[in-house]
Structures are given as C-alpha cells and as structure tokens.
C-alpha cells in the first residue's frame, strides 16, 4: 500500500518511473485524501485504506508513454487509471506526445501505517 503521509516518497516513485521509461514528467501532484460522509449517515466509517489520487502529465515518444503507463499499472501498487488523455506535444520535434493521467492508488488511510 502507498501511504498518504509519505508524500515525498510517493512523488519520488513517479520520478523513478520517469528515469526507467524515458518520458519527461512535466507535472505530478498528490491530492489530499478526504473522507466523504455518506448522505444522512453522519461521519464516514473508519477504514484501513483510502484512494490516493495523483494528477500526472508526461511528454515523450508514444512507445515510452505506453511503457510508463504499463509500469504504473503493474509495478508496486494497486492502481486504477481514472482517466488518460493523449495529445500532440507542443515541442513535437523532440517529444511527440503529451499524456495527462489521473490515477487512484490504494493507500493506507490517513494516520494508518502502510503495510
């Protein structure tokens, strides 16, 4: 499990994938985990895990972006790609494609240690 409390390690993970795949990370952000109350039921139930959301933008050759996405899905964490968009990169001479992704990673709930 990822851990919402270790933001630096979480972001370093994506920079490691950048180095392994040849893409260029142009943005990676970790959103705050917010437990939403169930309508009419008061406080949300205590859970041992929560989704940790990342917004990521990468530039690169199409094959490198496919490799990056493949590693995100198969590497260390249980991940769901919420959405992904591909577009021609503004610097098309060097980097042919830009991808933006929003992913959910299974994480220990805030305040819980990662297992």
N, C-alpha and C. Protein backbone atom coordinates (compact mmCIF):
# COMPACT_ATOMS: atom_id res chain seq x y z
N UNK A 1 0.83 -1.19 0.00
CA UNK A 1 0.00 0.00 0.00
C UNK A 1 0.87 1.25 0.00
N UNK A 2 0.40 2.24 -0.70
CA UNK A 2 1.02 3.56 -0.62
C UNK A 2 0.61 4.18 0.72
N UNK A 3 1.19 5.31 1.06
CA UNK A 3 0.85 5.96 2.31
C UNK A 3 0.70 7.45 2.05
N UNK A 4 -0.46 8.00 2.37
CA UNK A 4 -0.73 9.42 2.15
C UNK A 4 0.21 10.31 2.97
N UNK A 5 0.78 9.78 4.04
CA UNK A 5 1.64 10.56 4.92
C UNK A 5 3.07 10.69 4.41
N UNK A 6 3.43 9.95 3.36
CA UNK A 6 4.80 9.97 2.86
C UNK A 6 4.81 10.56 1.44
N UNK A 7 4.42 11.80 1.34
CA UNK A 7 4.27 12.45 0.04
C UNK A 7 5.58 12.47 -0.76
N UNK A 8 6.69 12.76 -0.12
CA UNK A 8 7.97 12.81 -0.84
C UNK A 8 8.31 11.46 -1.46
N UNK A 9 8.09 10.38 -0.73
CA UNK A 9 8.35 9.04 -1.27
C UNK A 9 7.40 8.71 -2.41
N UNK A 10 6.15 9.12 -2.26
CA UNK A 10 5.16 8.87 -3.31
C UNK A 10 5.56 9.57 -4.60
N UNK A 11 5.96 10.83 -4.52
CA UNK A 11 6.36 11.57 -5.71
C UNK A 11 7.66 11.03 -6.29
N UNK A 12 8.60 10.62 -5.41
CA UNK A 12 9.87 10.05 -5.88
C UNK A 12 9.62 8.78 -6.69
N UNK A 13 8.59 8.04 -6.35
CA UNK A 13 8.24 6.83 -7.11
C UNK A 13 7.99 7.16 -8.58
N UNK A 14 7.25 8.24 -8.84
CA UNK A 14 6.96 8.62 -10.23
C UNK A 14 8.20 9.15 -10.94
N UNK A 15 9.09 9.81 -10.21
CA UNK A 15 10.34 10.26 -10.83
C UNK A 15 11.25 9.07 -11.16
N UNK A 16 11.17 8.02 -10.36
CA UNK A 16 11.89 6.79 -10.68
C UNK A 16 11.34 6.17 -11.98
N UNK A 17 10.02 6.15 -12.11
CA UNK A 17 9.42 5.63 -13.35
C UNK A 17 9.82 6.48 -14.55
N UNK A 18 9.94 7.78 -14.34
CA UNK A 18 10.40 8.68 -15.41
C UNK A 18 11.78 8.24 -15.90
N UNK A 19 12.68 7.99 -14.98
CA UNK A 19 14.04 7.58 -15.34
C UNK A 19 14.06 6.21 -16.02
N UNK A 20 13.18 5.32 -15.60
CA UNK A 20 13.15 3.97 -16.16
C UNK A 20 12.53 3.91 -17.55
N UNK A 21 11.69 4.89 -17.91
CA UNK A 21 10.94 4.79 -19.17
C UNK A 21 11.37 5.80 -20.23
N UNK A 22 12.07 6.85 -19.85
CA UNK A 22 12.49 7.85 -20.83
C UNK A 22 11.48 8.95 -21.09
N UNK A 23 10.35 8.96 -20.38
CA UNK A 23 9.41 10.07 -20.52
C UNK A 23 9.93 11.24 -19.69
N UNK A 24 9.30 12.40 -19.86
CA UNK A 24 9.65 13.57 -19.06
C UNK A 24 8.41 13.98 -18.27
N UNK A 25 8.49 13.88 -16.94
CA UNK A 25 7.38 14.32 -16.09
C UNK A 25 7.31 15.83 -16.13
N UNK A 26 6.18 16.36 -16.51
CA UNK A 26 6.03 17.82 -16.51
C UNK A 26 5.16 18.27 -15.33
N UNK A 27 4.43 17.31 -14.73
CA UNK A 27 3.62 17.63 -13.55
C UNK A 27 3.27 16.34 -12.83
N UNK A 28 3.40 16.35 -11.53
CA UNK A 28 2.90 15.26 -10.70
C UNK A 28 2.48 15.86 -9.36
N UNK A 29 1.23 15.67 -9.02
CA UNK A 29 0.71 16.20 -7.76
C UNK A 29 -0.09 15.11 -7.05
N UNK A 30 0.02 15.13 -5.74
CA UNK A 30 -0.75 14.22 -4.89
C UNK A 30 -1.86 15.02 -4.25
N UNK A 31 -3.09 14.60 -4.46
CA UNK A 31 -4.23 15.30 -3.86
C UNK A 31 -4.44 14.82 -2.44
N UNK A 32 -5.01 15.68 -1.64
CA UNK A 32 -5.29 15.33 -0.26
C UNK A 32 -6.40 14.28 -0.20
N UNK A 33 -6.27 13.32 0.72
CA UNK A 33 -7.29 12.31 0.92
C UNK A 33 -8.38 12.92 1.79
N UNK A 34 -9.61 12.90 1.29
CA UNK A 34 -10.73 13.45 2.03
C UNK A 34 -11.80 12.37 2.15
N UNK A 35 -12.15 12.02 3.37
CA UNK A 35 -13.22 11.06 3.58
C UNK A 35 -14.56 11.80 3.46
N UNK A 36 -15.42 11.32 2.59
CA UNK A 36 -16.72 11.93 2.38
C UNK A 36 -17.77 11.23 3.24
N UNK A 37 -18.55 12.00 4.01
CA UNK A 37 -19.62 11.36 4.79
C UNK A 37 -20.70 10.83 3.84
N UNK A 38 -21.34 9.75 4.25
CA UNK A 38 -22.45 9.20 3.48
C UNK A 38 -23.67 10.03 3.81
N UNK A 39 -24.40 10.48 2.79
CA UNK A 39 -25.55 11.37 3.00
C UNK A 39 -26.54 10.75 4.00
N UNK A 40 -26.85 11.52 5.03
CA UNK A 40 -27.82 11.10 6.03
C UNK A 40 -27.28 10.12 7.06
N UNK A 41 -25.97 9.83 7.00
CA UNK A 41 -25.42 8.84 7.93
C UNK A 41 -24.32 9.40 8.83
N UNK A 42 -24.09 10.69 8.80
CA UNK A 42 -23.09 11.28 9.68
C UNK A 42 -21.68 11.03 9.22
N UNK A 43 -20.79 10.81 10.16
CA UNK A 43 -19.36 10.64 9.87
C UNK A 43 -19.12 9.36 9.06
N UNK A 44 -18.12 9.41 8.19
CA UNK A 44 -17.82 8.20 7.41
C UNK A 44 -17.26 7.10 8.31
N UNK A 45 -17.47 5.84 7.94
CA UNK A 45 -16.91 4.77 8.76
C UNK A 45 -15.39 4.76 8.68
N UNK A 46 -14.75 4.32 9.75
CA UNK A 46 -13.28 4.22 9.76
C UNK A 46 -12.87 3.08 8.84
N UNK A 47 -11.92 3.38 7.96
CA UNK A 47 -11.42 2.37 7.03
C UNK A 47 -9.91 2.27 7.18
N UNK A 48 -9.37 1.12 6.82
CA UNK A 48 -7.93 0.92 6.88
C UNK A 48 -7.23 1.37 5.60
N UNK A 49 -8.00 1.70 4.59
CA UNK A 49 -7.41 2.14 3.33
C UNK A 49 -8.28 3.22 2.70
N UNK A 50 -7.68 3.95 1.78
CA UNK A 50 -8.37 5.03 1.07
C UNK A 50 -7.69 5.22 -0.28
N UNK A 51 -8.41 5.74 -1.26
CA UNK A 51 -7.75 6.02 -2.53
C UNK A 51 -6.88 7.27 -2.41
N UNK A 52 -5.70 7.20 -2.97
CA UNK A 52 -4.79 8.32 -3.03
C UNK A 52 -4.74 8.74 -4.49
N UNK A 53 -5.07 9.99 -4.78
CA UNK A 53 -5.21 10.46 -6.16
C UNK A 53 -3.97 11.23 -6.58
N UNK A 54 -3.48 10.92 -7.79
CA UNK A 54 -2.36 11.63 -8.39
C UNK A 54 -2.78 12.18 -9.75
N UNK A 55 -2.36 13.42 -10.02
CA UNK A 55 -2.51 14.01 -11.35
C UNK A 55 -1.11 14.07 -11.95
N UNK A 56 -0.96 13.50 -13.14
CA UNK A 56 0.35 13.35 -13.75
C UNK A 56 0.29 13.83 -15.19
N UNK A 57 1.33 14.52 -15.63
CA UNK A 57 1.49 14.88 -17.04
C UNK A 57 2.89 14.48 -17.47
N UNK A 58 2.99 13.81 -18.60
CA UNK A 58 4.28 13.37 -19.13
C UNK A 58 4.37 13.69 -20.62
N UNK A 59 5.59 13.95 -21.09
CA UNK A 59 5.89 14.10 -22.51
C UNK A 59 6.78 12.94 -22.91
N UNK A 60 6.71 12.56 -24.16
CA UNK A 60 7.64 11.54 -24.64
C UNK A 60 7.18 10.93 -25.94
N UNK A 61 7.99 10.00 -26.39
CA UNK A 61 7.58 9.22 -27.56
C UNK A 61 6.41 8.33 -27.14
N UNK A 62 5.55 8.03 -28.07
CA UNK A 62 4.36 7.24 -27.76
C UNK A 62 4.75 5.93 -27.08
N UNK A 63 5.75 5.23 -27.60
CA UNK A 63 6.16 3.94 -27.02
C UNK A 63 6.62 4.10 -25.58
N UNK A 64 7.31 5.20 -25.26
CA UNK A 64 7.77 5.44 -23.89
C UNK A 64 6.59 5.72 -22.96
N UNK A 65 5.61 6.44 -23.45
CA UNK A 65 4.43 6.74 -22.64
C UNK A 65 3.66 5.45 -22.36
N UNK A 66 3.53 4.60 -23.36
CA UNK A 66 2.87 3.31 -23.15
C UNK A 66 3.62 2.50 -22.10
N UNK A 67 4.94 2.51 -22.15
CA UNK A 67 5.75 1.80 -21.16
C UNK A 67 5.55 2.38 -19.76
N UNK A 68 5.50 3.71 -19.66
CA UNK A 68 5.27 4.38 -18.37
C UNK A 68 3.92 3.95 -17.79
N UNK A 69 2.87 4.00 -18.61
CA UNK A 69 1.53 3.62 -18.14
C UNK A 69 1.51 2.14 -17.73
N UNK A 70 2.16 1.30 -18.51
CA UNK A 70 2.23 -0.13 -18.20
C UNK A 70 2.91 -0.35 -16.84
N UNK A 71 4.01 0.35 -16.59
CA UNK A 71 4.70 0.21 -15.30
C UNK A 71 3.85 0.73 -14.15
N UNK A 72 3.15 1.84 -14.37
CA UNK A 72 2.26 2.38 -13.32
C UNK A 72 1.24 1.31 -12.94
N UNK A 73 0.70 0.62 -13.94
CA UNK A 73 -0.34 -0.38 -13.66
C UNK A 73 0.21 -1.66 -13.05
N UNK A 74 1.42 -2.06 -13.39
CA UNK A 74 1.91 -3.38 -13.00
C UNK A 74 3.00 -3.36 -11.94
N UNK A 75 3.52 -2.22 -11.59
CA UNK A 75 4.72 -2.19 -10.75
C UNK A 75 4.43 -2.48 -9.28
N UNK A 76 4.41 -1.51 -8.44
CA UNK A 76 4.43 -1.68 -6.99
C UNK A 76 3.06 -1.61 -6.33
N UNK A 77 2.16 -0.79 -6.84
CA UNK A 77 0.91 -0.50 -6.15
C UNK A 77 -0.30 -0.98 -6.94
N UNK A 78 -1.41 -1.12 -6.23
CA UNK A 78 -2.69 -1.40 -6.88
C UNK A 78 -3.23 -0.05 -7.36
N UNK A 79 -3.38 0.09 -8.68
CA UNK A 79 -3.68 1.38 -9.30
C UNK A 79 -4.89 1.27 -10.21
N UNK A 80 -5.68 2.32 -10.25
CA UNK A 80 -6.76 2.43 -11.24
C UNK A 80 -6.55 3.74 -11.99
N UNK A 81 -6.49 3.66 -13.30
CA UNK A 81 -6.39 4.88 -14.10
C UNK A 81 -7.80 5.43 -14.26
N UNK A 82 -8.03 6.59 -13.64
CA UNK A 82 -9.35 7.22 -13.69
C UNK A 82 -9.62 7.82 -15.07
N UNK A 83 -8.62 8.48 -15.61
CA UNK A 83 -8.72 8.97 -16.99
C UNK A 83 -7.32 9.23 -17.53
N UNK A 84 -7.26 9.26 -18.85
CA UNK A 84 -5.99 9.49 -19.53
C UNK A 84 -6.30 10.19 -20.84
N UNK A 85 -5.50 11.20 -21.15
CA UNK A 85 -5.69 11.95 -22.39
C UNK A 85 -4.35 12.07 -23.10
N UNK A 86 -4.34 11.79 -24.39
CA UNK A 86 -3.15 11.94 -25.21
C UNK A 86 -3.36 13.08 -26.18
N UNK A 87 -2.31 13.85 -26.41
CA UNK A 87 -2.37 14.96 -27.35
C UNK A 87 -0.98 15.18 -27.93
N UNK A 88 -0.90 15.78 -29.11
CA UNK A 88 0.43 16.13 -29.64
C UNK A 88 1.12 17.09 -28.68
N UNK A 89 2.40 16.87 -28.45
CA UNK A 89 3.16 17.76 -27.57
C UNK A 89 3.45 19.06 -28.29
N UNK A 90 3.58 20.13 -27.55
CA UNK A 90 3.87 21.43 -28.16
C UNK A 90 5.26 21.44 -28.79
N UNK A 91 6.18 20.66 -28.24
CA UNK A 91 7.53 20.54 -28.78
C UNK A 91 7.61 19.26 -29.59
N UNK A 92 6.88 19.21 -30.71
CA UNK A 92 6.73 17.95 -31.45
C UNK A 92 8.02 17.49 -32.12
N UNK A 93 9.02 18.35 -32.25
CA UNK A 93 10.29 17.93 -32.85
C UNK A 93 11.01 16.93 -31.95
N UNK A 94 10.96 17.14 -30.63
CA UNK A 94 11.65 16.27 -29.67
C UNK A 94 10.69 15.28 -29.00
N UNK A 95 9.58 15.77 -28.55
CA UNK A 95 8.62 14.96 -27.79
C UNK A 95 7.31 14.91 -28.55
N UNK A 96 6.95 13.76 -29.06
CA UNK A 96 5.83 13.67 -29.97
C UNK A 96 4.47 13.69 -29.28
N UNK A 97 4.37 13.23 -28.04
CA UNK A 97 3.07 13.06 -27.40
C UNK A 97 3.12 13.60 -25.98
N UNK A 98 1.99 14.16 -25.54
CA UNK A 98 1.83 14.53 -24.14
C UNK A 98 0.65 13.74 -23.59
N UNK A 99 0.83 13.14 -22.42
CA UNK A 99 -0.24 12.39 -21.77
C UNK A 99 -0.54 13.03 -20.42
N UNK A 100 -1.82 13.15 -20.11
CA UNK A 100 -2.23 13.58 -18.77
C UNK A 100 -3.06 12.44 -18.18
N UNK A 101 -2.75 12.10 -16.94
CA UNK A 101 -3.42 10.99 -16.27
C UNK A 101 -3.91 11.42 -14.90
N UNK A 102 -4.98 10.82 -14.49
CA UNK A 102 -5.47 10.94 -13.12
C UNK A 102 -5.61 9.50 -12.64
N UNK A 103 -4.86 9.16 -11.60
CA UNK A 103 -4.87 7.79 -11.12
C UNK A 103 -5.21 7.72 -9.64
N UNK A 104 -5.83 6.61 -9.25
CA UNK A 104 -6.09 6.30 -7.85
C UNK A 104 -5.17 5.16 -7.45
N UNK A 105 -4.54 5.32 -6.31
CA UNK A 105 -3.65 4.29 -5.77
C UNK A 105 -4.22 3.84 -4.43
N UNK A 106 -4.29 2.52 -4.22
CA UNK A 106 -4.74 2.02 -2.93
C UNK A 106 -3.71 2.40 -1.88
N UNK A 107 -4.17 3.07 -0.83
CA UNK A 107 -3.25 3.59 0.18
C UNK A 107 -3.79 3.31 1.58
N UNK A 108 -2.89 3.29 2.52
CA UNK A 108 -3.30 3.23 3.92
C UNK A 108 -4.08 4.50 4.23
N UNK A 109 -5.09 4.37 5.05
CA UNK A 109 -5.87 5.55 5.42
C UNK A 109 -4.99 6.54 6.15
N UNK A 110 -5.32 7.84 6.04
CA UNK A 110 -4.52 8.84 6.76
C UNK A 110 -4.41 8.47 8.24
N UNK A 111 -3.18 8.55 8.75
CA UNK A 111 -2.94 8.21 10.14
C UNK A 111 -2.62 6.74 10.36
N UNK A 112 -2.84 5.90 9.34
CA UNK A 112 -2.55 4.47 9.44
C UNK A 112 -1.17 4.20 8.84
N UNK A 113 -0.39 3.30 9.42
CA UNK A 113 0.90 2.95 8.80
C UNK A 113 0.68 2.10 7.56
N UNK A 114 1.54 2.26 6.57
CA UNK A 114 1.47 1.42 5.36
C UNK A 114 1.92 0.01 5.75
N UNK A 115 1.28 -0.97 5.12
CA UNK A 115 1.62 -2.36 5.44
C UNK A 115 2.39 -2.98 4.32
